[in-house]
Amino acid sequence: MAWHWQGEPAGWLAFVDYAGAAGWLAFELALTRQLAATLLLNGAVFVLNRLCAGSKQYAVHHSAWHVISALKCVLVAQTCRG
């Protein structure tokens, strides 16, 4: 949220944001029973994120990306070892 509030700067907040995403991916990979599907879903979410960056309707597309990313998290959580 701070990254968005600050206008999405390329500095340390961007690093923290993407480091958090990398940590989340590592966490998902450590717990999932569906490694290939988890990698594929995370890759798709990453590509969608990069596509949103150049969108003329960034606010709409990036908001939709957040919903898709959250759905990905739910799908991956359903494959986790319990």
PDB file of N, CA and C in Angstrom:
ATOM      1  N   MET A   1       0.822  -1.181   0.000  1.00  0.00           N
ATOM      2  CA  MET A   1       0.000   0.000   0.000  1.00  0.00           C
ATOM      3  C   MET A   1       0.870   1.250   0.000  1.00  0.00           C
ATOM      4  N   ALA A   2       1.953   1.219   0.763  1.00  0.00           N
ATOM      5  CA  ALA A   2       2.841   2.385   0.810  1.00  0.00           C
ATOM      6  C   ALA A   2       3.441   2.656  -0.561  1.00  0.00           C
ATOM      7  N   TRP A   3       3.756   1.604  -1.295  1.00  0.00           N
ATOM      8  CA  TRP A   3       4.333   1.756  -2.628  1.00  0.00           C
ATOM      9  C   TRP A   3       3.355   2.482  -3.550  1.00  0.00           C
ATOM     10  N   HIS A   4       2.083   2.095  -3.506  1.00  0.00           N
ATOM     11  CA  HIS A   4       1.065   2.774  -4.315  1.00  0.00           C
ATOM     12  C   HIS A   4       0.872   4.218  -3.841  1.00  0.00           C
ATOM     13  N   TRP A   5       0.835   4.409  -2.540  1.00  0.00           N
ATOM     14  CA  TRP A   5       0.609   5.725  -1.966  1.00  0.00           C
ATOM     15  C   TRP A   5       1.717   6.706  -2.359  1.00  0.00           C
ATOM     16  N   GLN A   6       2.929   6.183  -2.494  1.00  0.00           N
ATOM     17  CA  GLN A   6       4.071   7.023  -2.854  1.00  0.00           C
ATOM     18  C   GLN A   6       4.208   7.217  -4.374  1.00  0.00           C
ATOM     19  N   GLY A   7       3.241   6.724  -5.148  1.00  0.00           N
ATOM     20  CA  GLY A   7       3.293   6.883  -6.598  1.00  0.00           C
ATOM     21  C   GLY A   7       4.133   5.834  -7.287  1.00  0.00           C
ATOM     22  N   GLU A   8       4.313   4.706  -6.640  1.00  0.00           N
ATOM     23  CA  GLU A   8       5.038   3.557  -7.177  1.00  0.00           C
ATOM     24  C   GLU A   8       6.458   3.912  -7.606  1.00  0.00           C
ATOM     25  N   PRO A   9       7.255   4.386  -6.667  1.00  0.00           N
ATOM     26  CA  PRO A   9       8.629   4.775  -7.003  1.00  0.00           C
ATOM     27  C   PRO A   9       9.502   3.567  -7.310  1.00  0.00           C
ATOM     28  N   ALA A  10      10.592   3.803  -8.017  1.00  0.00           N
ATOM     29  CA  ALA A  10      11.491   2.718  -8.405  1.00  0.00           C
ATOM     30  C   ALA A  10      12.549   2.429  -7.342  1.00  0.00           C
ATOM     31  N   GLY A  11      12.523   3.085  -6.238  1.00  0.00           N
ATOM     32  CA  GLY A  11      13.560   2.957  -5.216  1.00  0.00           C
ATOM     33  C   GLY A  11      13.362   1.790  -4.261  1.00  0.00           C
ATOM     34  N   TRP A  12      13.601   2.079  -3.000  1.00  0.00           N
ATOM     35  CA  TRP A  12      13.601   1.013  -1.989  1.00  0.00           C
ATOM     36  C   TRP A  12      12.220   0.399  -1.785  1.00  0.00           C
ATOM     37  N   LEU A  13      11.146   1.168  -1.973  1.00  0.00           N
ATOM     38  CA  LEU A  13       9.809   0.591  -1.813  1.00  0.00           C
ATOM     39  C   LEU A  13       9.523  -0.453  -2.893  1.00  0.00           C
ATOM     40  N   ALA A  14       9.998  -0.192  -4.105  1.00  0.00           N
ATOM     41  CA  ALA A  14       9.833  -1.184  -5.175  1.00  0.00           C
ATOM     42  C   ALA A  14      10.610  -2.449  -4.826  1.00  0.00           C
ATOM     43  N   PHE A  15      11.821  -2.280  -4.299  1.00  0.00           N
ATOM     44  CA  PHE A  15      12.621  -3.433  -3.893  1.00  0.00           C
ATOM     45  C   PHE A  15      11.899  -4.244  -2.822  1.00  0.00           C
ATOM     46  N   VAL A  16      11.370  -3.565  -1.822  1.00  0.00           N
ATOM     47  CA  VAL A  16      10.648  -4.253  -0.741  1.00  0.00           C
ATOM     48  C   VAL A  16       9.413  -4.959  -1.297  1.00  0.00           C
ATOM     49  N   ASP A  17       8.698  -4.301  -2.207  1.00  0.00           N
ATOM     50  CA  ASP A  17       7.498  -4.887  -2.805  1.00  0.00           C
ATOM     51  C   ASP A  17       7.834  -6.173  -3.558  1.00  0.00           C
ATOM     52  N   TYR A  18       8.835  -6.110  -4.416  1.00  0.00           N
ATOM     53  CA  TYR A  18       9.196  -7.292  -5.199  1.00  0.00           C
ATOM     54  C   TYR A  18       9.903  -8.354  -4.356  1.00  0.00           C
ATOM     55  N   ALA A  19      10.646  -7.947  -3.341  1.00  0.00           N
ATOM     56  CA  ALA A  19      11.245  -8.922  -2.426  1.00  0.00           C
ATOM     57  C   ALA A  19      10.154  -9.673  -1.667  1.00  0.00           C
ATOM     58  N   GLY A  20       9.100  -8.956  -1.285  1.00  0.00           N
ATOM     59  CA  GLY A  20       7.962  -9.617  -0.637  1.00  0.00           C
ATOM     60  C   GLY A  20       7.294 -10.613  -1.556  1.00  0.00           C
ATOM     61  N   ALA A  21       7.148 -10.247  -2.824  1.00  0.00           N
ATOM     62  CA  ALA A  21       6.552 -11.166  -3.796  1.00  0.00           C
ATOM     63  C   ALA A  21       7.435 -12.394  -3.980  1.00  0.00           C
ATOM     64  N   ALA A  22       8.747 -12.209  -4.032  1.00  0.00           N
ATOM     65  CA  ALA A  22       9.667 -13.343  -4.166  1.00  0.00           C
ATOM     66  C   ALA A  22       9.603 -14.237  -2.933  1.00  0.00           C
ATOM     67  N   GLY A  23       9.503 -13.627  -1.767  1.00  0.00           N
ATOM     68  CA  GLY A  23       9.368 -14.415  -0.542  1.00  0.00           C
ATOM     69  C   GLY A  23       8.075 -15.211  -0.520  1.00  0.00           C
ATOM     70  N   TRP A  24       7.007 -14.593  -0.988  1.00  0.00           N
ATOM     71  CA  TRP A  24       5.714 -15.280  -1.048  1.00  0.00           C
ATOM     72  C   TRP A  24       5.809 -16.474  -1.998  1.00  0.00           C
ATOM     73  N   LEU A  25       6.446 -16.279  -3.154  1.00  0.00           N
ATOM     74  CA  LEU A  25       6.636 -17.374  -4.102  1.00  0.00           C
ATOM     75  C   LEU A  25       7.426 -18.508  -3.460  1.00  0.00           C
ATOM     76  N   ALA A  26       8.506 -18.174  -2.779  1.00  0.00           N
ATOM     77  CA  ALA A  26       9.313 -19.208  -2.111  1.00  0.00           C
ATOM     78  C   ALA A  26       8.481 -19.965  -1.085  1.00  0.00           C
ATOM     79  N   PHE A  27       7.671 -19.255  -0.334  1.00  0.00           N
ATOM     80  CA  PHE A  27       6.789 -19.870   0.661  1.00  0.00           C
ATOM     81  C   PHE A  27       5.804 -20.827  -0.002  1.00  0.00           C
ATOM     82  N   GLU A  28       5.182 -20.355  -1.105  1.00  0.00           N
ATOM     83  CA  GLU A  28       4.233 -21.213  -1.826  1.00  0.00           C
ATOM     84  C   GLU A  28       4.924 -22.463  -2.360  1.00  0.00           C
ATOM     85  N   LEU A  29       6.109 -22.302  -2.937  1.00  0.00           N
ATOM     86  CA  LEU A  29       6.829 -23.446  -3.501  1.00  0.00           C
ATOM     87  C   LEU A  29       7.238 -24.443  -2.426  1.00  0.00           C
ATOM     88  N   ALA A  30       7.531 -23.943  -1.242  1.00  0.00           N
ATOM     89  CA  ALA A  30       7.923 -24.833  -0.143  1.00  0.00           C
ATOM     90  C   ALA A  30       6.752 -25.658   0.361  1.00  0.00           C
ATOM     91  N   LEU A  31       5.539 -25.147   0.213  1.00  0.00           N
ATOM     92  CA  LEU A  31       4.382 -25.825   0.791  1.00  0.00           C
ATOM     93  C   LEU A  31       3.497 -26.560  -0.204  1.00  0.00           C
ATOM     94  N   THR A  32       3.588 -26.236  -1.474  1.00  0.00           N
ATOM     95  CA  THR A  32       2.657 -26.791  -2.441  1.00  0.00           C
ATOM     96  C   THR A  32       2.949 -28.256  -2.784  1.00  0.00           C
ATOM     97  N   ARG A  33       1.908 -28.940  -3.181  1.00  0.00           N
ATOM     98  CA  ARG A  33       2.047 -30.287  -3.724  1.00  0.00           C
ATOM     99  C   ARG A  33       2.012 -30.261  -5.245  1.00  0.00           C
ATOM    100  N   GLN A  34       1.778 -29.092  -5.813  1.00  0.00           N
ATOM    101  CA  GLN A  34       1.666 -28.908  -7.267  1.00  0.00           C
ATOM    102  C   GLN A  34       2.708 -27.895  -7.729  1.00  0.00           C
ATOM    103  N   LEU A  35       3.958 -28.305  -7.775  1.00  0.00           N
ATOM    104  CA  LEU A  35       5.056 -27.395  -8.075  1.00  0.00           C
ATOM    105  C   LEU A  35       4.909 -26.743  -9.452  1.00  0.00           C
ATOM    106  N   ALA A  36       4.656 -27.531 -10.482  1.00  0.00           N
ATOM    107  CA  ALA A  36       4.564 -26.985 -11.848  1.00  0.00           C
ATOM    108  C   ALA A  36       3.400 -25.997 -11.970  1.00  0.00           C
ATOM    109  N   ALA A  37       2.255 -26.351 -11.418  1.00  0.00           N
ATOM    110  CA  ALA A  37       1.086 -25.468 -11.493  1.00  0.00           C
ATOM    111  C   ALA A  37       1.343 -24.168 -10.733  1.00  0.00           C
ATOM    112  N   THR A  38       2.010 -24.258  -9.594  1.00  0.00           N
ATOM    113  CA  THR A  38       2.319 -23.071  -8.802  1.00  0.00           C
ATOM    114  C   THR A  38       3.272 -22.156  -9.558  1.00  0.00           C
ATOM    115  N   LEU A  39       4.283 -22.727 -10.185  1.00  0.00           N
ATOM    116  CA  LEU A  39       5.208 -21.927 -10.988  1.00  0.00           C
ATOM    117  C   LEU A  39       4.492 -21.288 -12.176  1.00  0.00           C
ATOM    118  N   LEU A  40       3.628 -22.037 -12.831  1.00  0.00           N
ATOM    119  CA  LEU A  40       2.889 -21.522 -13.981  1.00  0.00           C
ATOM    120  C   LEU A  40       1.968 -20.365 -13.569  1.00  0.00           C
ATOM    121  N   LEU A  41       1.226 -20.546 -12.496  1.00  0.00           N
ATOM    122  CA  LEU A  41       0.321 -19.495 -12.029  1.00  0.00           C
ATOM    123  C   LEU A  41       1.078 -18.237 -11.606  1.00  0.00           C
ATOM    124  N   ASN A  42       2.172 -18.422 -10.890  1.00  0.00           N
ATOM    125  CA  ASN A  42       2.968 -17.268 -10.474  1.00  0.00           C
ATOM    126  C   ASN A  42       3.587 -16.572 -11.676  1.00  0.00           C
ATOM    127  N   GLY A  43       4.028 -17.337 -12.656  1.00  0.00           N
ATOM    128  CA  GLY A  43       4.572 -16.746 -13.869  1.00  0.00           C
ATOM    129  C   GLY A  43       3.522 -15.937 -14.612  1.00  0.00           C
ATOM    130  N   ALA A  44       2.306 -16.461 -14.686  1.00  0.00           N
ATOM    131  CA  ALA A  44       1.218 -15.754 -15.360  1.00  0.00           C
ATOM    132  C   ALA A  44       0.878 -14.458 -14.633  1.00  0.00           C
ATOM    133  N   VAL A  45       0.857 -14.497 -13.317  1.00  0.00           N
ATOM    134  CA  VAL A  45       0.573 -13.297 -12.533  1.00  0.00           C
ATOM    135  C   VAL A  45       1.678 -12.260 -12.740  1.00  0.00           C
ATOM    136  N   PHE A  46       2.921 -12.713 -12.815  1.00  0.00           N
ATOM    137  CA  PHE A  46       4.033 -11.794 -13.050  1.00  0.00           C
ATOM    138  C   PHE A  46       3.915 -11.131 -14.428  1.00  0.00           C
ATOM    139  N   VAL A  47       3.624 -11.926 -15.457  1.00  0.00           N
ATOM    140  CA  VAL A  47       3.479 -11.382 -16.811  1.00  0.00           C
ATOM    141  C   VAL A  47       2.325 -10.380 -16.858  1.00  0.00           C
ATOM    142  N   LEU A  48       1.213 -10.711 -16.242  1.00  0.00           N
ATOM    143  CA  LEU A  48       0.084  -9.774 -16.199  1.00  0.00           C
ATOM    144  C   LEU A  48       0.469  -8.472 -15.492  1.00  0.00           C
ATOM    145  N   ASN A  49       1.258  -8.582 -14.441  1.00  0.00           N
ATOM    146  CA  ASN A  49       1.723  -7.391 -13.726  1.00  0.00           C
ATOM    147  C   ASN A  49       2.548  -6.501 -14.643  1.00  0.00           C
ATOM    148  N   ARG A  50       3.428  -7.091 -15.422  1.00  0.00           N
ATOM    149  CA  ARG A  50       4.274  -6.324 -16.334  1.00  0.00           C
ATOM    150  C   ARG A  50       3.446  -5.715 -17.459  1.00  0.00           C
ATOM    151  N   LEU A  51       2.417  -6.424 -17.926  1.00  0.00           N
ATOM    152  CA  LEU A  51       1.545  -5.884 -18.968  1.00  0.00           C
ATOM    153  C   LEU A  51       0.755  -4.683 -18.456  1.00  0.00           C
ATOM    154  N   CYS A  52       0.348  -4.750 -17.210  1.00  0.00           N
ATOM    155  CA  CYS A  52      -0.400  -3.635 -16.615  1.00  0.00           C
ATOM    156  C   CYS A  52       0.441  -2.373 -16.541  1.00  0.00           C
ATOM    157  N   ALA A  53       1.739  -2.526 -16.374  1.00  0.00           N
ATOM    158  CA  ALA A  53       2.616  -1.378 -16.184  1.00  0.00           C
ATOM    159  C   ALA A  53       2.540  -0.398 -17.353  1.00  0.00           C
ATOM    160  N   GLY A  54       2.313  -0.893 -18.555  1.00  0.00           N
ATOM    161  CA  GLY A  54       2.258  -0.009 -19.706  1.00  0.00           C
ATOM    162  C   GLY A  54       0.856   0.326 -20.175  1.00  0.00           C
ATOM    163  N   SER A  55      -0.130  -0.037 -19.406  1.00  0.00           N
ATOM    164  CA  SER A  55      -1.524   0.151 -19.805  1.00  0.00           C
ATOM    165  C   SER A  55      -1.964   1.611 -19.710  1.00  0.00           C
ATOM    166  N   LYS A  56      -2.765   2.026 -20.679  1.00  0.00           N
ATOM    167  CA  LYS A  56      -3.351   3.371 -20.635  1.00  0.00           C
ATOM    168  C   LYS A  56      -4.435   3.454 -19.566  1.00  0.00           C
ATOM    169  N   GLN A  57      -5.005   2.315 -19.206  1.00  0.00           N
ATOM    170  CA  GLN A  57      -6.011   2.250 -18.130  1.00  0.00           C
ATOM    171  C   GLN A  57      -5.395   1.514 -16.942  1.00  0.00           C
ATOM    172  N   TYR A  58      -4.262   2.019 -16.496  1.00  0.00           N
ATOM    173  CA  TYR A  58      -3.485   1.351 -15.463  1.00  0.00           C
ATOM    174  C   TYR A  58      -4.289   1.069 -14.196  1.00  0.00           C
ATOM    175  N   ALA A  59      -5.017   2.042 -13.712  1.00  0.00           N
ATOM    176  CA  ALA A  59      -5.740   1.872 -12.443  1.00  0.00           C
ATOM    177  C   ALA A  59      -6.728   0.716 -12.532  1.00  0.00           C
ATOM    178  N   VAL A  60      -7.437   0.623 -13.641  1.00  0.00           N
ATOM    179  CA  VAL A  60      -8.417  -0.459 -13.827  1.00  0.00           C
ATOM    180  C   VAL A  60      -7.699  -1.803 -13.976  1.00  0.00           C
ATOM    181  N   HIS A  61      -6.703  -1.844 -14.848  1.00  0.00           N
ATOM    182  CA  HIS A  61      -6.016  -3.111 -15.106  1.00  0.00           C
ATOM    183  C   HIS A  61      -5.211  -3.589 -13.899  1.00  0.00           C
ATOM    184  N   HIS A  62      -4.567  -2.666 -13.207  1.00  0.00           N
ATOM    185  CA  HIS A  62      -3.795  -3.074 -12.035  1.00  0.00           C
ATOM    186  C   HIS A  62      -4.714  -3.531 -10.900  1.00  0.00           C
ATOM    187  N   SER A  63      -5.856  -2.899 -10.778  1.00  0.00           N
ATOM    188  CA  SER A  63      -6.832  -3.348  -9.771  1.00  0.00           C
ATOM    189  C   SER A  63      -7.314  -4.754 -10.095  1.00  0.00           C
ATOM    190  N   ALA A  64      -7.603  -5.010 -11.371  1.00  0.00           N
ATOM    191  CA  ALA A  64      -8.010  -6.362 -11.791  1.00  0.00           C
ATOM    192  C   ALA A  64      -6.873  -7.346 -11.533  1.00  0.00           C
ATOM    193  N   TRP A  65      -5.634  -6.895 -11.749  1.00  0.00           N
ATOM    194  CA  TRP A  65      -4.485  -7.758 -11.484  1.00  0.00           C
ATOM    195  C   TRP A  65      -4.442  -8.161 -10.014  1.00  0.00           C
ATOM    196  N   HIS A  66      -4.737  -7.230  -9.110  1.00  0.00           N
ATOM    197  CA  HIS A  66      -4.742  -7.560  -7.679  1.00  0.00           C
ATOM    198  C   HIS A  66      -5.774  -8.649  -7.382  1.00  0.00           C
ATOM    199  N   VAL A  67      -6.923  -8.586  -8.002  1.00  0.00           N
ATOM    200  CA  VAL A  67      -7.960  -9.615  -7.810  1.00  0.00           C
ATOM    201  C   VAL A  67      -7.460 -10.953  -8.349  1.00  0.00           C
ATOM    202  N   ILE A  68      -6.879 -10.947  -9.543  1.00  0.00           N
ATOM    203  CA  ILE A  68      -6.359 -12.186 -10.141  1.00  0.00           C
ATOM    204  C   ILE A  68      -5.242 -12.761  -9.265  1.00  0.00           C
ATOM    205  N   SER A  69      -4.376 -11.906  -8.765  1.00  0.00           N
ATOM    206  CA  SER A  69      -3.293 -12.354  -7.893  1.00  0.00           C
ATOM    207  C   SER A  69      -3.842 -12.989  -6.615  1.00  0.00           C
ATOM    208  N   ALA A  70      -4.873 -12.391  -6.050  1.00  0.00           N
ATOM    209  CA  ALA A  70      -5.496 -12.955  -4.846  1.00  0.00           C
ATOM    210  C   ALA A  70      -6.130 -14.310  -5.143  1.00  0.00           C
ATOM    211  N   LEU A  71      -6.761 -14.439  -6.304  1.00  0.00           N
ATOM    212  CA  LEU A  71      -7.346 -15.730  -6.701  1.00  0.00           C
ATOM    213  C   LEU A  71      -6.264 -16.784  -6.868  1.00  0.00           C
ATOM    214  N   LYS A  72      -5.126 -16.377  -7.431  1.00  0.00           N
ATOM    215  CA  LYS A  72      -3.995 -17.298  -7.553  1.00  0.00           C
ATOM    216  C   LYS A  72      -3.569 -17.797  -6.183  1.00  0.00           C
ATOM    217  N   CYS A  73      -3.520 -16.898  -5.214  1.00  0.00           N
ATOM    218  CA  CYS A  73      -3.124 -17.275  -3.854  1.00  0.00           C
ATOM    219  C   CYS A  73      -4.089 -18.296  -3.259  1.00  0.00           C
ATOM    220  N   VAL A  74      -5.366 -18.115  -3.505  1.00  0.00           N
ATOM    221  CA  VAL A  74      -6.370 -19.055  -3.007  1.00  0.00           C
ATOM    222  C   VAL A  74      -6.181 -20.417  -3.676  1.00  0.00           C
ATOM    223  N   LEU A  75      -5.983 -20.429  -4.989  1.00  0.00           N
ATOM    224  CA  LEU A  75      -5.786 -21.692  -5.709  1.00  0.00           C
ATOM    225  C   LEU A  75      -4.550 -22.424  -5.208  1.00  0.00           C
ATOM    226  N   VAL A  76      -3.458 -21.711  -5.040  1.00  0.00           N
ATOM    227  CA  VAL A  76      -2.224 -22.348  -4.571  1.00  0.00           C
ATOM    228  C   VAL A  76      -2.405 -22.837  -3.130  1.00  0.00           C
ATOM    229  N   ALA A  77      -3.068 -22.070  -2.298  1.00  0.00           N
ATOM    230  CA  ALA A  77      -3.289 -22.482  -0.902  1.00  0.00           C
ATOM    231  C   ALA A  77      -4.052 -23.800  -0.825  1.00  0.00           C
ATOM    232  N   GLN A  78      -4.922 -24.033  -1.798  1.00  0.00           N
ATOM    233  CA  GLN A  78      -5.679 -25.291  -1.807  1.00  0.00           C
ATOM    234  C   GLN A  78      -4.805 -26.486  -2.143  1.00  0.00           C
ATOM    235  N   THR A  79      -3.609 -26.256  -2.677  1.00  0.00           N
ATOM    236  CA  THR A  79      -2.706 -27.358  -3.009  1.00  0.00           C
ATOM    237  C   THR A  79      -1.637 -27.571  -1.964  1.00  0.00           C
ATOM    238  N   CYS A  80      -1.677 -26.795  -0.884  1.00  0.00           N
ATOM    239  CA  CYS A  80      -0.613 -26.875   0.124  1.00  0.00           C
ATOM    240  C   CYS A  80      -0.739 -28.110   0.991  1.00  0.00           C
ATOM    241  N   ARG A  81       0.421 -28.534   1.439  1.00  0.00           N
ATOM    242  CA  ARG A  81       0.465 -29.666   2.370  1.00  0.00           C
ATOM    243  C   ARG A  81      -0.142 -29.230   3.688  1.00  0.00           C
ATOM    244  N   GLY A  82      -0.970 -30.065   4.245  1.00  0.00           N
ATOM    245  CA  GLY A  82      -1.639 -29.654   5.473  1.00  0.00           C
ATOM    246  C   GLY A  82      -1.302 -30.414   6.678  1.00  0.00           C
TER     247      GLY A  82
END
